[in-house]
Amino acid sequence: MAALLPVVLSSCGGATKLDEVSPDILAVEQNGETLAVKAQQSLVSDALALTQLGNLVGEIAEGIQADLPGADKDAKQLMLQISYETVDRLGNEGSIDAGTITFPMTDLRAANTDNLIGTMWLGLASNVAVSAGSDPLINHCADADNFAIDHVFCSKVAAALE
């Protein structure tokens, strides 16, 4: 078993706990059958926002598959609460809630992390709830080409807007 440990840790970037798989993760909590992860990302552009978000889901999935502490085996779903860093017109830093995306843990445990990249991870979402800072999600999905590529996720974004 000791020989396997370095391989498992290296696949998660050296993380020893789920909240260490990405610097974007602020908190990890187990709430019954829900694994709640709060994360905050820099908003470079709407185009990159969803790729960054998808990559974050992939990093979390790798941590879950590696059974890192914090990745409760009894959890049935991952609830990812995302916010974006902001800077107001006076240069003051803050954040804005961008919504919550829910994923079935069975899919995250079974996903082939070598073949899913970027926004492909978002297609595993079972539910999307939008909030005031959801513009990057909404704008991405409003583009016909993006909608065609990410139709499963974008359909859930569209449903959340109804």
C-alpha atoms as a PDB file:
ATOM      1  CA  MET A   1       0.000   0.000   0.000  1.00  0.00           C
ATOM      2  CA  ALA A   2       2.844   2.409   0.763  1.00  0.00           C
ATOM      3  CA  ALA A   3       4.016   2.156  -2.846  1.00  0.00           C
ATOM      4  CA  LEU A   4       0.615   3.315  -4.098  1.00  0.00           C
ATOM      5  CA  LEU A   5       0.419   6.384  -1.870  1.00  0.00           C
ATOM      6  CA  PRO A   6       2.787   8.626  -3.918  1.00  0.00           C
ATOM      7  CA  VAL A   7       0.883   7.779  -7.111  1.00  0.00           C
ATOM      8  CA  VAL A   8      -2.463   8.688  -5.549  1.00  0.00           C
ATOM      9  CA  LEU A   9      -1.099  11.932  -4.119  1.00  0.00           C
ATOM     10  CA  SER A  10       0.591  12.949  -7.345  1.00  0.00           C
ATOM     11  CA  SER A  11      -2.650  12.528  -9.306  1.00  0.00           C
ATOM     12  CA  CYS A  12      -4.158  15.193  -7.032  1.00  0.00           C
ATOM     13  CA  GLY A  13      -1.245  17.594  -7.240  1.00  0.00           C
ATOM     14  CA  GLY A  14       0.192  16.507  -3.900  1.00  0.00           C
ATOM     15  CA  ALA A  15      -3.059  17.158  -2.017  1.00  0.00           C
ATOM     16  CA  THR A  16      -3.569  15.197   1.185  1.00  0.00           C
ATOM     17  CA  LYS A  17      -7.157  16.435   1.787  1.00  0.00           C
ATOM     18  CA  LEU A  18      -9.997  17.271  -0.591  1.00  0.00           C
ATOM     19  CA  ASP A  19      -9.844  20.989   0.234  1.00  0.00           C
ATOM     20  CA  GLU A  20      -6.223  21.024  -1.028  1.00  0.00           C
ATOM     21  CA  VAL A  21      -6.879  19.817  -4.599  1.00  0.00           C
ATOM     22  CA  SER A  22      -7.351  23.417  -5.769  1.00  0.00           C
ATOM     23  CA  PRO A  23      -6.460  26.828  -4.346  1.00  0.00           C
ATOM     24  CA  ASP A  24      -9.970  27.911  -5.425  1.00  0.00           C
ATOM     25  CA  ILE A  25     -11.583  25.778  -2.694  1.00  0.00           C
ATOM     26  CA  LEU A  26     -12.544  27.806   0.370  1.00  0.00           C
ATOM     27  CA  ALA A  27     -14.337  25.111   2.391  1.00  0.00           C
ATOM     28  CA  VAL A  28     -15.483  21.493   2.286  1.00  0.00           C
ATOM     29  CA  GLU A  29     -18.344  20.338   4.512  1.00  0.00           C
ATOM     30  CA  GLN A  30     -20.314  17.124   4.821  1.00  0.00           C
ATOM     31  CA  ASN A  31     -24.039  17.827   5.242  1.00  0.00           C
ATOM     32  CA  GLY A  32     -25.791  14.468   5.465  1.00  0.00           C
ATOM     33  CA  GLU A  33     -25.689  12.903   2.016  1.00  0.00           C
ATOM     34  CA  THR A  34     -24.345  16.104   0.448  1.00  0.00           C
ATOM     35  CA  LEU A  35     -20.700  17.016   0.131  1.00  0.00           C
ATOM     36  CA  ALA A  36     -20.708  20.833  -0.010  1.00  0.00           C
ATOM     37  CA  VAL A  37     -17.724  22.574  -1.560  1.00  0.00           C
ATOM     38  CA  LYS A  38     -17.439  26.361  -1.541  1.00  0.00           C
ATOM     39  CA  ALA A  39     -15.066  27.782  -4.115  1.00  0.00           C
ATOM     40  CA  GLN A  40     -14.081  31.203  -5.388  1.00  0.00           C
ATOM     41  CA  GLN A  41     -12.453  31.796  -8.742  1.00  0.00           C
ATOM     42  CA  SER A  42     -10.920  34.753 -10.529  1.00  0.00           C
ATOM     43  CA  LEU A  43     -13.059  35.943 -13.401  1.00  0.00           C
ATOM     44  CA  VAL A  44     -10.676  36.488 -16.277  1.00  0.00           C
ATOM     45  CA  SER A  45     -13.362  36.364 -18.973  1.00  0.00           C
ATOM     46  CA  ASP A  46     -16.726  34.729 -19.584  1.00  0.00           C
ATOM     47  CA  ALA A  47     -15.053  32.459 -22.128  1.00  0.00           C
ATOM     48  CA  LEU A  48     -12.533  31.131 -19.621  1.00  0.00           C
ATOM     49  CA  ALA A  49     -14.890  31.053 -16.631  1.00  0.00           C
ATOM     50  CA  LEU A  50     -16.593  27.812 -17.609  1.00  0.00           C
ATOM     51  CA  THR A  51     -13.345  26.114 -18.578  1.00  0.00           C
ATOM     52  CA  GLN A  52     -11.884  27.043 -15.172  1.00  0.00           C
ATOM     53  CA  LEU A  53     -15.060  25.843 -13.469  1.00  0.00           C
ATOM     54  CA  GLY A  54     -14.984  22.556 -15.345  1.00  0.00           C
ATOM     55  CA  ASN A  55     -11.337  22.038 -14.475  1.00  0.00           C
ATOM     56  CA  LEU A  56     -12.188  22.643 -10.805  1.00  0.00           C
ATOM     57  CA  VAL A  57     -14.856  19.924 -10.967  1.00  0.00           C
ATOM     58  CA  GLY A  58     -12.253  17.613 -12.498  1.00  0.00           C
ATOM     59  CA  GLU A  59      -9.800  18.328  -9.679  1.00  0.00           C
ATOM     60  CA  ILE A  60     -12.516  17.628  -7.104  1.00  0.00           C
ATOM     61  CA  ALA A  61     -13.430  14.382  -8.901  1.00  0.00           C
ATOM     62  CA  GLU A  62      -9.781  13.262  -8.798  1.00  0.00           C
ATOM     63  CA  GLY A  63      -9.740  13.931  -5.047  1.00  0.00           C
ATOM     64  CA  ILE A  64     -12.956  11.982  -4.583  1.00  0.00           C
ATOM     65  CA  GLN A  65     -11.610   9.056  -6.618  1.00  0.00           C
ATOM     66  CA  ALA A  66      -8.397   9.093  -4.574  1.00  0.00           C
ATOM     67  CA  ASP A  67     -10.496   8.868  -1.366  1.00  0.00           C
ATOM     68  CA  LEU A  68      -8.801  11.922   0.094  1.00  0.00           C
ATOM     69  CA  PRO A  69      -9.974  12.918   3.578  1.00  0.00           C
ATOM     70  CA  GLY A  70     -12.974  15.197   3.221  1.00  0.00           C
ATOM     71  CA  ALA A  71     -14.411  13.154   0.344  1.00  0.00           C
ATOM     72  CA  ASP A  72     -17.033  11.236   2.333  1.00  0.00           C
ATOM     73  CA  LYS A  73     -17.772   7.845   0.755  1.00  0.00           C
ATOM     74  CA  ASP A  74     -21.418   8.043   1.915  1.00  0.00           C
ATOM     75  CA  ALA A  75     -22.144  11.298   0.095  1.00  0.00           C
ATOM     76  CA  LYS A  76     -24.699  10.982  -2.700  1.00  0.00           C
ATOM     77  CA  GLN A  77     -24.110  14.385  -4.294  1.00  0.00           C
ATOM     78  CA  LEU A  78     -21.579  17.167  -4.583  1.00  0.00           C
ATOM     79  CA  MET A  79     -23.010  20.648  -4.199  1.00  0.00           C
ATOM     80  CA  LEU A  80     -20.494  23.130  -5.609  1.00  0.00           C
ATOM     81  CA  GLN A  81     -21.165  26.707  -4.494  1.00  0.00           C
ATOM     82  CA  ILE A  82     -19.192  29.031  -6.733  1.00  0.00           C
ATOM     83  CA  SER A  83     -18.377  32.704  -6.370  1.00  0.00           C
ATOM     84  CA  TYR A  84     -16.195  35.056  -8.369  1.00  0.00           C
ATOM     85  CA  GLU A  85     -13.672  37.579  -7.116  1.00  0.00           C
ATOM     86  CA  THR A  86     -14.672  41.173  -7.846  1.00  0.00           C
ATOM     87  CA  VAL A  87     -13.062  44.597  -7.719  1.00  0.00           C
ATOM     88  CA  ASP A  88     -15.313  47.648  -7.564  1.00  0.00           C
ATOM     89  CA  ARG A  89     -14.666  50.948  -9.324  1.00  0.00           C
ATOM     90  CA  LEU A  90     -12.647  52.164  -6.335  1.00  0.00           C
ATOM     91  CA  GLY A  91     -10.400  49.112  -6.313  1.00  0.00           C
ATOM     92  CA  ASN A  92     -12.004  47.369  -3.339  1.00  0.00           C
ATOM     93  CA  GLU A  93     -11.938  43.592  -3.516  1.00  0.00           C
ATOM     94  CA  GLY A  94     -15.030  41.501  -2.898  1.00  0.00           C
ATOM     95  CA  SER A  95     -16.913  38.534  -4.284  1.00  0.00           C
ATOM     96  CA  ILE A  96     -20.240  37.739  -5.907  1.00  0.00           C
ATOM     97  CA  ASP A  97     -22.194  34.498  -5.620  1.00  0.00           C
ATOM     98  CA  ALA A  98     -22.427  32.823  -9.024  1.00  0.00           C
ATOM     99  CA  GLY A  99     -24.709  29.933  -8.081  1.00  0.00           C
ATOM    100  CA  THR A 100     -24.709  26.301  -7.113  1.00  0.00           C
ATOM    101  CA  ILE A 101     -24.094  23.280  -9.312  1.00  0.00           C
ATOM    102  CA  THR A 102     -24.992  19.806  -8.097  1.00  0.00           C
ATOM    103  CA  PHE A 103     -23.332  16.617  -9.316  1.00  0.00           C
ATOM    104  CA  PRO A 104     -24.190  12.957  -8.566  1.00  0.00           C
ATOM    105  CA  MET A 105     -21.282  11.417  -6.669  1.00  0.00           C
ATOM    106  CA  THR A 106     -21.705   8.166  -8.601  1.00  0.00           C
ATOM    107  CA  ASP A 107     -20.782  10.028 -11.801  1.00  0.00           C
ATOM    108  CA  LEU A 108     -17.819  11.814 -10.210  1.00  0.00           C
ATOM    109  CA  ARG A 109     -16.509   8.528  -8.796  1.00  0.00           C
ATOM    110  CA  ALA A 110     -16.892   6.748 -12.150  1.00  0.00           C
ATOM    111  CA  ALA A 111     -15.696   9.526 -14.487  1.00  0.00           C
ATOM    112  CA  ASN A 112     -12.584   8.900 -16.546  1.00  0.00           C
ATOM    113  CA  THR A 113     -10.456  11.837 -15.432  1.00  0.00           C
ATOM    114  CA  ASP A 114      -8.028  11.300 -18.313  1.00  0.00           C
ATOM    115  CA  ASN A 115     -10.695  11.886 -20.971  1.00  0.00           C
ATOM    116  CA  LEU A 116     -12.883  14.654 -19.500  1.00  0.00           C
ATOM    117  CA  ILE A 117     -11.517  18.187 -19.741  1.00  0.00           C
ATOM    118  CA  GLY A 118     -12.795  21.714 -19.159  1.00  0.00           C
ATOM    119  CA  THR A 119     -16.494  22.202 -19.752  1.00  0.00           C
ATOM    120  CA  MET A 120     -17.029  18.491 -20.400  1.00  0.00           C
ATOM    121  CA  TRP A 121     -17.131  18.048 -16.606  1.00  0.00           C
ATOM    122  CA  LEU A 122     -20.115  20.394 -16.373  1.00  0.00           C
ATOM    123  CA  GLY A 123     -22.170  18.002 -18.466  1.00  0.00           C
ATOM    124  CA  LEU A 124     -22.285  15.712 -15.418  1.00  0.00           C
ATOM    125  CA  ALA A 125     -24.297  18.285 -13.440  1.00  0.00           C
ATOM    126  CA  SER A 126     -27.713  17.166 -12.242  1.00  0.00           C
ATOM    127  CA  ASN A 127     -28.903  20.659 -11.285  1.00  0.00           C
ATOM    128  CA  VAL A 128     -27.870  24.290 -11.689  1.00  0.00           C
ATOM    129  CA  ALA A 129     -29.101  27.188  -9.568  1.00  0.00           C
ATOM    130  CA  VAL A 130     -28.161  30.660 -10.778  1.00  0.00           C
ATOM    131  CA  SER A 131     -27.645  33.834  -8.750  1.00  0.00           C
ATOM    132  CA  ALA A 132     -26.666  37.461  -9.240  1.00  0.00           C
ATOM    133  CA  GLY A 133     -23.129  36.597 -10.362  1.00  0.00           C
ATOM    134  CA  SER A 134     -24.128  33.913 -12.871  1.00  0.00           C
ATOM    135  CA  ASP A 135     -23.484  36.105 -15.921  1.00  0.00           C
ATOM    136  CA  PRO A 136     -20.474  34.028 -17.075  1.00  0.00           C
ATOM    137  CA  LEU A 137     -22.626  30.878 -17.109  1.00  0.00           C
ATOM    138  CA  ILE A 138     -25.564  32.630 -18.778  1.00  0.00           C
ATOM    139  CA  ASN A 139     -23.411  34.431 -21.367  1.00  0.00           C
ATOM    140  CA  HIS A 140     -21.540  31.246 -22.265  1.00  0.00           C
ATOM    141  CA  CYS A 141     -24.761  29.352 -22.825  1.00  0.00           C
ATOM    142  CA  ALA A 142     -26.411  32.232 -24.722  1.00  0.00           C
ATOM    143  CA  ASP A 143     -23.885  31.719 -27.527  1.00  0.00           C
ATOM    144  CA  ALA A 144     -25.324  29.213 -30.026  1.00  0.00           C
ATOM    145  CA  ASP A 145     -21.962  27.513 -30.645  1.00  0.00           C
ATOM    146  CA  ASN A 146     -21.305  27.074 -26.925  1.00  0.00           C
ATOM    147  CA  PHE A 147     -24.849  25.819 -26.378  1.00  0.00           C
ATOM    148  CA  ALA A 148     -24.317  23.197 -29.089  1.00  0.00           C
ATOM    149  CA  ILE A 149     -21.071  22.016 -27.487  1.00  0.00           C
ATOM    150  CA  ASP A 150     -22.249  22.152 -23.851  1.00  0.00           C
ATOM    151  CA  HIS A 151     -25.945  21.469 -24.480  1.00  0.00           C
ATOM    152  CA  VAL A 152     -26.494  19.246 -21.432  1.00  0.00           C
ATOM    153  CA  PHE A 153     -25.120  21.826 -19.003  1.00  0.00           C
ATOM    154  CA  CYS A 154     -26.568  24.821 -20.870  1.00  0.00           C
ATOM    155  CA  SER A 155     -30.028  23.216 -20.857  1.00  0.00           C
ATOM    156  CA  LYS A 156     -29.814  23.115 -17.065  1.00  0.00           C
ATOM    157  CA  VAL A 157     -28.731  26.779 -16.980  1.00  0.00           C
ATOM    158  CA  ALA A 158     -31.674  27.686 -19.229  1.00  0.00           C
ATOM    159  CA  ALA A 159     -34.057  25.740 -16.969  1.00  0.00           C
ATOM    160  CA  ALA A 160     -32.725  27.598 -13.930  1.00  0.00           C
ATOM    161  CA  LEU A 161     -33.586  30.900 -15.611  1.00  0.00           C
ATOM    162  CA  GLU A 162     -37.254  29.968 -16.166  1.00  0.00           C
END
